[in-house]
Amino acid sequence: MLISKTKKKERVDFVKDDPEYKPFIVMNEYLQVWTGLKDGGLTLTFSDNFDDAKPLNFHTQFLSLKRVYKLTKLEQIYL
């Protein structure tokens, strides 16, 4: 009986390996920072406290937030 050992595939972390990676936070037109979602992802929550901000990693995440929050303008602020 021949048993072959397979190598475990190394996990590639695209965020850390990408030289163009720049995390960012999202701000609304009232200069409040994005802190998360509620109501099953239908409502965006914002805070006046800059320390509560949750950074995002990909532009597609920002585009999804813009689709949910249609009423006001959103801005990306790179860290």
Protein backbone atom coordinates (compact mmCIF):
# COMPACT_ATOMS: atom_id res chain seq x y z
CA MET A 1 0.00 0.00 0.00
CA LEU A 2 1.50 3.29 -1.14
CA ILE A 3 0.68 6.35 0.93
CA SER A 4 1.60 9.67 -0.55
CA LYS A 5 1.91 12.72 1.57
CA THR A 6 0.44 15.81 0.02
CA LYS A 7 1.79 19.21 0.79
CA LYS A 8 -0.53 21.62 2.44
CA LYS A 9 -1.21 24.56 0.25
CA GLU A 10 0.14 27.76 1.69
CA ARG A 11 -2.48 30.34 2.29
CA VAL A 12 -1.92 33.44 0.23
CA ASP A 13 -2.87 36.66 1.94
CA PHE A 14 -3.56 38.99 -0.94
CA VAL A 15 -3.93 41.99 1.33
CA LYS A 16 -0.41 41.74 2.73
CA ASP A 17 1.23 40.54 -0.49
CA ASP A 18 -0.20 43.31 -2.65
CA PRO A 19 2.25 46.26 -2.87
CA GLU A 20 -0.65 48.57 -3.76
CA TYR A 21 -2.58 47.66 -0.56
CA LYS A 22 -3.81 50.74 1.27
CA PRO A 23 -6.49 50.36 3.96
CA PHE A 24 -9.04 53.15 4.19
CA ILE A 25 -11.94 54.36 6.27
CA VAL A 26 -15.26 55.68 5.02
CA MET A 27 -16.75 59.04 5.97
CA ASN A 28 -20.15 60.51 5.17
CA GLU A 29 -20.97 64.11 4.28
CA TYR A 30 -21.30 64.99 7.99
CA LEU A 31 -17.68 63.90 8.64
CA GLN A 32 -18.81 60.86 10.61
CA VAL A 33 -16.85 57.62 10.23
CA TRP A 34 -18.40 54.29 9.26
CA THR A 35 -18.57 51.84 12.17
CA GLY A 36 -20.51 48.90 10.78
CA LEU A 37 -23.85 47.52 9.63
CA LYS A 38 -27.08 46.74 11.47
CA ASP A 39 -30.53 45.40 10.59
CA GLY A 40 -29.06 42.56 8.58
CA GLY A 41 -26.78 44.81 6.56
CA LEU A 42 -29.51 47.22 5.48
CA THR A 43 -28.45 50.14 7.67
CA LEU A 44 -25.02 51.70 7.92
CA THR A 45 -23.95 53.05 11.30
CA PHE A 46 -21.76 56.12 11.68
CA SER A 47 -19.99 57.71 14.63
CA ASP A 48 -18.49 61.10 15.41
CA ASN A 49 -15.59 59.39 17.21
CA PHE A 50 -12.74 58.75 14.76
CA ASP A 51 -11.39 55.90 16.92
CA ASP A 52 -14.56 53.84 16.26
CA ALA A 53 -13.88 53.66 12.51
CA LYS A 54 -13.58 50.24 10.90
CA PRO A 55 -11.00 50.18 8.10
CA LEU A 56 -11.83 48.49 4.82
CA ASN A 57 -9.37 46.69 2.55
CA PHE A 58 -10.90 46.57 -0.91
CA HIS A 59 -12.57 49.06 -3.21
CA THR A 60 -15.40 46.60 -3.90
CA GLN A 61 -16.39 46.84 -0.21
CA PHE A 62 -16.67 50.61 -0.59
CA LEU A 63 -18.84 50.22 -3.69
CA SER A 64 -21.18 47.91 -1.77
CA LEU A 65 -21.54 50.50 1.00
CA LYS A 66 -22.40 53.15 -1.57
CA ARG A 67 -25.17 50.95 -2.97
CA VAL A 68 -26.71 50.52 0.50
CA TYR A 69 -26.35 54.15 1.59
CA LYS A 70 -27.84 56.08 -1.34
CA LEU A 71 -28.98 59.18 0.53
CA THR A 72 -25.68 60.94 1.19
CA LYS A 73 -22.19 61.10 -0.21
CA LEU A 74 -19.47 58.76 1.02
CA GLU A 75 -15.72 59.39 0.87
CA GLN A 76 -12.69 57.12 1.16
CA ILE A 77 -9.91 58.34 3.44
CA TYR A 78 -6.70 56.31 3.06
CA LEU A 79 -4.73 55.56 6.21
